[in-house]
Amino acid sequence: MNLAELEQKLVAAARANPPSDWVPYAFEKRIMARLAARPVVDDWALWARALWRAAAPCAAIMLLLGAWSFFAPPRNAPANDLSQQLEQTLLAAVDQEQPIDLTR
């Protein structure tokens, strides 16, 4: 069927059947009641629910990794351990024999 011919038939059918001004009783109130009855989607509640569900697995993973690092056998510490070097650097002034003169 030709598209232009179909369009002319549809326009003729629409003109032959004009829309009515009659509206069912209390139509507006029914529509507004349905709109008010719909629950409002709260995006923050969805995020909070997802984060609370993720908290338990995260805590379990944290506990497992903490226990693994606590009970893991210690490796042989290298001779130039960074923590030992830091402690020696910070306490170098305390280890000196002579007092520091602060009046200069």
N, C-alpha and C. Protein backbone atom coordinates (compact mmCIF):
# COMPACT_ATOMS: atom_id res chain seq x y z
N MET A 1 0.84 -1.17 0.00
CA MET A 1 0.00 0.00 0.00
C MET A 1 0.89 1.24 0.00
N ASN A 2 0.46 2.22 -0.71
CA ASN A 2 1.19 3.47 -0.83
C ASN A 2 1.12 4.23 0.51
N LEU A 3 2.22 4.76 0.93
CA LEU A 3 2.28 5.47 2.21
C LEU A 3 1.46 6.75 2.19
N ALA A 4 1.48 7.46 1.11
CA ALA A 4 0.71 8.71 1.00
C ALA A 4 -0.79 8.43 1.01
N GLU A 5 -1.20 7.34 0.34
CA GLU A 5 -2.61 6.96 0.32
C GLU A 5 -3.09 6.55 1.72
N LEU A 6 -2.24 5.82 2.44
CA LEU A 6 -2.57 5.42 3.81
C LEU A 6 -2.72 6.64 4.72
N GLU A 7 -1.82 7.60 4.54
CA GLU A 7 -1.90 8.82 5.35
C GLU A 7 -3.20 9.58 5.07
N GLN A 8 -3.63 9.66 3.81
CA GLN A 8 -4.87 10.36 3.46
C GLN A 8 -6.09 9.65 4.06
N LYS A 9 -6.08 8.31 4.08
CA LYS A 9 -7.19 7.57 4.66
C LYS A 9 -7.27 7.79 6.17
N LEU A 10 -6.12 7.81 6.82
CA LEU A 10 -6.10 8.02 8.28
C LEU A 10 -6.57 9.43 8.63
N VAL A 11 -6.17 10.41 7.86
CA VAL A 11 -6.60 11.79 8.12
C VAL A 11 -8.09 11.92 7.89
N ALA A 12 -8.62 11.27 6.84
CA ALA A 12 -10.06 11.32 6.56
C ALA A 12 -10.85 10.64 7.67
N ALA A 13 -10.34 9.53 8.20
CA ALA A 13 -11.03 8.82 9.29
C ALA A 13 -11.01 9.67 10.56
N ALA A 14 -9.93 10.37 10.80
CA ALA A 14 -9.84 11.23 12.00
C ALA A 14 -10.78 12.42 11.88
N ARG A 15 -10.93 12.97 10.69
CA ARG A 15 -11.84 14.11 10.51
C ARG A 15 -13.30 13.68 10.59
N ALA A 16 -13.59 12.45 10.19
CA ALA A 16 -14.97 11.95 10.23
C ALA A 16 -15.42 11.64 11.66
N ASN A 17 -14.49 11.38 12.54
CA ASN A 17 -14.82 11.03 13.92
C ASN A 17 -14.17 12.04 14.86
N PRO A 18 -14.78 13.21 15.07
CA PRO A 18 -14.16 14.24 15.93
C PRO A 18 -14.13 13.78 17.39
N PRO A 19 -13.17 14.27 18.17
CA PRO A 19 -13.08 13.88 19.58
C PRO A 19 -14.24 14.44 20.37
N SER A 20 -14.60 13.76 21.42
CA SER A 20 -15.73 14.15 22.26
C SER A 20 -15.24 15.00 23.42
N ASP A 21 -16.09 15.90 23.89
CA ASP A 21 -15.77 16.71 25.07
C ASP A 21 -16.16 16.01 26.37
N TRP A 22 -16.79 14.85 26.28
CA TRP A 22 -17.26 14.14 27.46
C TRP A 22 -16.09 13.47 28.18
N VAL A 23 -15.98 13.69 29.48
CA VAL A 23 -14.94 13.09 30.32
C VAL A 23 -15.65 12.29 31.40
N PRO A 24 -15.18 11.10 31.74
CA PRO A 24 -15.83 10.33 32.81
C PRO A 24 -15.83 11.09 34.13
N TYR A 25 -16.81 10.73 34.99
CA TYR A 25 -16.97 11.40 36.27
C TYR A 25 -15.73 11.19 37.14
N ALA A 26 -15.23 12.27 37.73
CA ALA A 26 -14.09 12.27 38.65
C ALA A 26 -12.82 11.68 38.02
N PHE A 27 -12.66 11.87 36.74
CA PHE A 27 -11.49 11.33 36.04
C PHE A 27 -10.19 11.94 36.58
N GLU A 28 -10.19 13.26 36.78
CA GLU A 28 -8.98 13.93 37.26
C GLU A 28 -8.60 13.45 38.66
N LYS A 29 -9.62 13.25 39.52
CA LYS A 29 -9.34 12.80 40.88
C LYS A 29 -8.78 11.38 40.89
N ARG A 30 -9.28 10.52 40.01
CA ARG A 30 -8.75 9.16 39.95
C ARG A 30 -7.30 9.14 39.49
N ILE A 31 -7.02 9.96 38.50
CA ILE A 31 -5.64 10.03 38.00
C ILE A 31 -4.70 10.58 39.07
N MET A 32 -5.11 11.63 39.74
CA MET A 32 -4.27 12.23 40.79
C MET A 32 -4.08 11.26 41.96
N ALA A 33 -5.12 10.49 42.29
CA ALA A 33 -5.00 9.50 43.37
C ALA A 33 -4.01 8.41 42.99
N ARG A 34 -4.02 8.00 41.73
CA ARG A 34 -3.05 6.99 41.29
C ARG A 34 -1.62 7.54 41.32
N LEU A 35 -1.47 8.78 40.93
CA LEU A 35 -0.13 9.38 40.95
C LEU A 35 0.39 9.54 42.37
N ALA A 36 -0.51 9.90 43.30
CA ALA A 36 -0.09 10.06 44.70
C ALA A 36 0.20 8.72 45.35
N ALA A 37 -0.44 7.66 44.89
CA ALA A 37 -0.25 6.34 45.51
C ALA A 37 1.06 5.68 45.08
N ARG A 38 1.64 6.15 44.01
CA ARG A 38 2.91 5.56 43.55
C ARG A 38 4.02 5.91 44.53
N PRO A 39 4.84 4.93 44.90
CA PRO A 39 5.95 5.22 45.81
C PRO A 39 7.02 6.05 45.11
N VAL A 40 7.62 6.95 45.86
CA VAL A 40 8.68 7.80 45.33
C VAL A 40 10.00 7.04 45.46
N VAL A 41 10.74 6.99 44.38
CA VAL A 41 12.02 6.30 44.39
C VAL A 41 13.06 7.19 45.06
N ASP A 42 13.65 6.70 46.13
CA ASP A 42 14.66 7.45 46.87
C ASP A 42 16.03 6.90 46.50
N ASP A 43 16.80 7.67 45.74
CA ASP A 43 18.11 7.22 45.29
C ASP A 43 19.07 7.03 46.45
N TRP A 44 19.00 7.89 47.44
CA TRP A 44 19.90 7.77 48.59
C TRP A 44 19.62 6.49 49.37
N ALA A 45 18.37 6.10 49.48
CA ALA A 45 18.04 4.86 50.18
C ALA A 45 18.59 3.65 49.42
N LEU A 46 18.55 3.71 48.10
CA LEU A 46 19.11 2.61 47.31
C LEU A 46 20.61 2.49 47.53
N TRP A 47 21.30 3.63 47.54
CA TRP A 47 22.75 3.62 47.80
C TRP A 47 23.05 3.11 49.21
N ALA A 48 22.28 3.58 50.19
CA ALA A 48 22.53 3.16 51.57
C ALA A 48 22.31 1.66 51.72
N ARG A 49 21.26 1.13 51.11
CA ARG A 49 21.00 -0.31 51.19
C ARG A 49 22.15 -1.10 50.56
N ALA A 50 22.63 -0.65 49.41
CA ALA A 50 23.73 -1.35 48.75
C ALA A 50 25.02 -1.29 49.58
N LEU A 51 25.29 -0.15 50.19
CA LEU A 51 26.51 -0.03 50.99
C LEU A 51 26.43 -0.86 52.27
N TRP A 52 25.25 -0.95 52.88
CA TRP A 52 25.11 -1.78 54.07
C TRP A 52 25.27 -3.26 53.71
N ARG A 53 24.78 -3.65 52.54
CA ARG A 53 24.97 -5.04 52.12
C ARG A 53 26.43 -5.34 51.82
N ALA A 54 27.18 -4.35 51.39
CA ALA A 54 28.59 -4.55 51.08
C ALA A 54 29.47 -4.47 52.32
N ALA A 55 28.96 -3.98 53.43
CA ALA A 55 29.78 -3.81 54.63
C ALA A 55 30.19 -5.15 55.22
N ALA A 56 29.31 -6.12 55.26
CA ALA A 56 29.63 -7.42 55.85
C ALA A 56 30.73 -8.15 55.08
N PRO A 57 30.66 -8.27 53.75
CA PRO A 57 31.77 -8.91 53.04
C PRO A 57 33.09 -8.16 53.19
N CYS A 58 33.04 -6.83 53.23
CA CYS A 58 34.27 -6.06 53.40
C CYS A 58 34.89 -6.31 54.77
N ALA A 59 34.05 -6.38 55.80
CA ALA A 59 34.56 -6.67 57.14
C ALA A 59 35.14 -8.07 57.21
N ALA A 60 34.50 -9.04 56.56
CA ALA A 60 35.00 -10.41 56.56
C ALA A 60 36.35 -10.49 55.85
N ILE A 61 36.48 -9.81 54.72
CA ILE A 61 37.76 -9.80 54.01
C ILE A 61 38.83 -9.13 54.85
N MET A 62 38.48 -8.03 55.55
CA MET A 62 39.45 -7.35 56.40
C MET A 62 39.93 -8.27 57.52
N LEU A 63 39.01 -9.00 58.15
CA LEU A 63 39.40 -9.91 59.22
C LEU A 63 40.27 -11.05 58.71
N LEU A 64 39.95 -11.59 57.54
CA LEU A 64 40.76 -12.67 56.98
C LEU A 64 42.18 -12.19 56.66
N LEU A 65 42.28 -11.02 56.02
CA LEU A 65 43.62 -10.51 55.69
C LEU A 65 44.40 -10.11 56.94
N GLY A 66 43.70 -9.58 57.95
CA GLY A 66 44.38 -9.26 59.21
C GLY A 66 44.90 -10.51 59.91
N ALA A 67 44.09 -11.56 59.95
CA ALA A 67 44.55 -12.81 60.57
C ALA A 67 45.69 -13.42 59.77
N TRP A 68 45.61 -13.32 58.44
CA TRP A 68 46.67 -13.88 57.61
C TRP A 68 48.00 -13.15 57.86
N SER A 69 47.95 -11.83 57.97
CA SER A 69 49.19 -11.09 58.19
C SER A 69 49.70 -11.28 59.62
N PHE A 70 48.80 -11.52 60.57
CA PHE A 70 49.22 -11.71 61.96
C PHE A 70 49.84 -13.09 62.17
N PHE A 71 49.25 -14.12 61.57
CA PHE A 71 49.71 -15.49 61.78
C PHE A 71 50.68 -15.98 60.73
N ALA A 72 51.02 -15.14 59.77
CA ALA A 72 51.99 -15.54 58.74
C ALA A 72 53.37 -15.66 59.38
N PRO A 73 54.13 -16.66 58.95
CA PRO A 73 55.48 -16.80 59.52
C PRO A 73 56.36 -15.62 59.10
N PRO A 74 57.15 -15.09 60.03
CA PRO A 74 57.99 -13.93 59.68
C PRO A 74 59.11 -14.32 58.72
N ARG A 75 59.38 -13.47 57.78
CA ARG A 75 60.49 -13.68 56.87
C ARG A 75 61.76 -13.18 57.53
N ASN A 76 62.87 -13.56 56.99
CA ASN A 76 64.15 -13.04 57.51
C ASN A 76 64.23 -11.55 57.19
N ALA A 77 64.33 -10.74 58.24
CA ALA A 77 64.37 -9.29 58.06
C ALA A 77 65.70 -8.90 57.41
N PRO A 78 65.68 -8.05 56.42
CA PRO A 78 66.94 -7.61 55.80
C PRO A 78 67.75 -6.76 56.78
N ALA A 79 69.02 -6.69 56.52
CA ALA A 79 69.92 -5.96 57.42
C ALA A 79 69.63 -4.46 57.40
N ASN A 80 69.22 -3.94 56.31
CA ASN A 80 68.93 -2.50 56.22
C ASN A 80 67.41 -2.30 56.23
N ASP A 81 66.80 -2.63 57.33
CA ASP A 81 65.35 -2.49 57.48
C ASP A 81 65.00 -1.01 57.60
N LEU A 82 63.99 -0.56 56.87
CA LEU A 82 63.61 0.84 56.84
C LEU A 82 63.12 1.31 58.21
N SER A 83 62.41 0.48 58.96
CA SER A 83 61.93 0.90 60.27
C SER A 83 63.09 1.11 61.24
N GLN A 84 64.10 0.27 61.14
CA GLN A 84 65.27 0.45 62.02
C GLN A 84 66.05 1.72 61.65
N GLN A 85 66.18 1.98 60.37
CA GLN A 85 66.86 3.20 59.95
C GLN A 85 66.11 4.45 60.40
N LEU A 86 64.79 4.43 60.31
CA LEU A 86 63.99 5.57 60.74
C LEU A 86 64.15 5.79 62.24
N GLU A 87 64.11 4.71 63.01
CA GLU A 87 64.25 4.84 64.47
C GLU A 87 65.63 5.38 64.83
N GLN A 88 66.67 4.91 64.17
CA GLN A 88 68.02 5.40 64.46
C GLN A 88 68.16 6.87 64.09
N THR A 89 67.54 7.30 63.01
CA THR A 89 67.61 8.69 62.60
C THR A 89 66.89 9.60 63.57
N LEU A 90 65.71 9.19 64.03
CA LEU A 90 64.94 10.02 64.95
C LEU A 90 65.57 10.09 66.34
N LEU A 91 66.21 9.03 66.75
CA LEU A 91 66.80 9.00 68.09
C LEU A 91 68.30 9.34 68.09
N ALA A 92 68.80 9.85 66.99
CA ALA A 92 70.23 10.16 66.91
C ALA A 92 70.58 11.28 67.88
N ALA A 93 69.74 12.26 68.04
CA ALA A 93 70.04 13.37 68.94
C ALA A 93 70.01 12.92 70.40
N VAL A 94 69.21 11.93 70.73
CA VAL A 94 69.11 11.45 72.11
C VAL A 94 70.34 10.64 72.48
N ASP A 95 70.90 9.94 71.50
CA ASP A 95 72.04 9.06 71.76
C ASP A 95 73.36 9.81 71.91
N GLN A 96 73.40 11.08 71.63
CA GLN A 96 74.66 11.83 71.74
C GLN A 96 75.03 12.01 73.21
N GLU A 97 76.32 11.99 73.45
CA GLU A 97 76.85 12.09 74.81
C GLU A 97 76.76 13.50 75.36
N GLN A 98 77.02 14.49 74.56
CA GLN A 98 77.07 15.86 75.07
C GLN A 98 75.70 16.51 74.97
N PRO A 99 75.34 17.37 75.92
CA PRO A 99 74.04 18.04 75.88
C PRO A 99 74.01 19.09 74.77
N ILE A 100 72.84 19.34 74.29
CA ILE A 100 72.66 20.32 73.22
C ILE A 100 72.43 21.67 73.86
N ASP A 101 73.17 22.68 73.38
CA ASP A 101 73.06 24.03 73.90
C ASP A 101 72.00 24.77 73.11
N LEU A 102 70.90 25.11 73.77
CA LEU A 102 69.78 25.77 73.09
C LEU A 102 69.87 27.29 73.19
N THR A 103 70.86 27.83 73.90
CA THR A 103 70.95 29.28 74.08
C THR A 103 71.61 29.95 72.89
N ARG A 104 72.26 29.24 72.03
CA ARG A 104 72.94 29.85 70.90
C ARG A 104 72.01 30.32 69.87
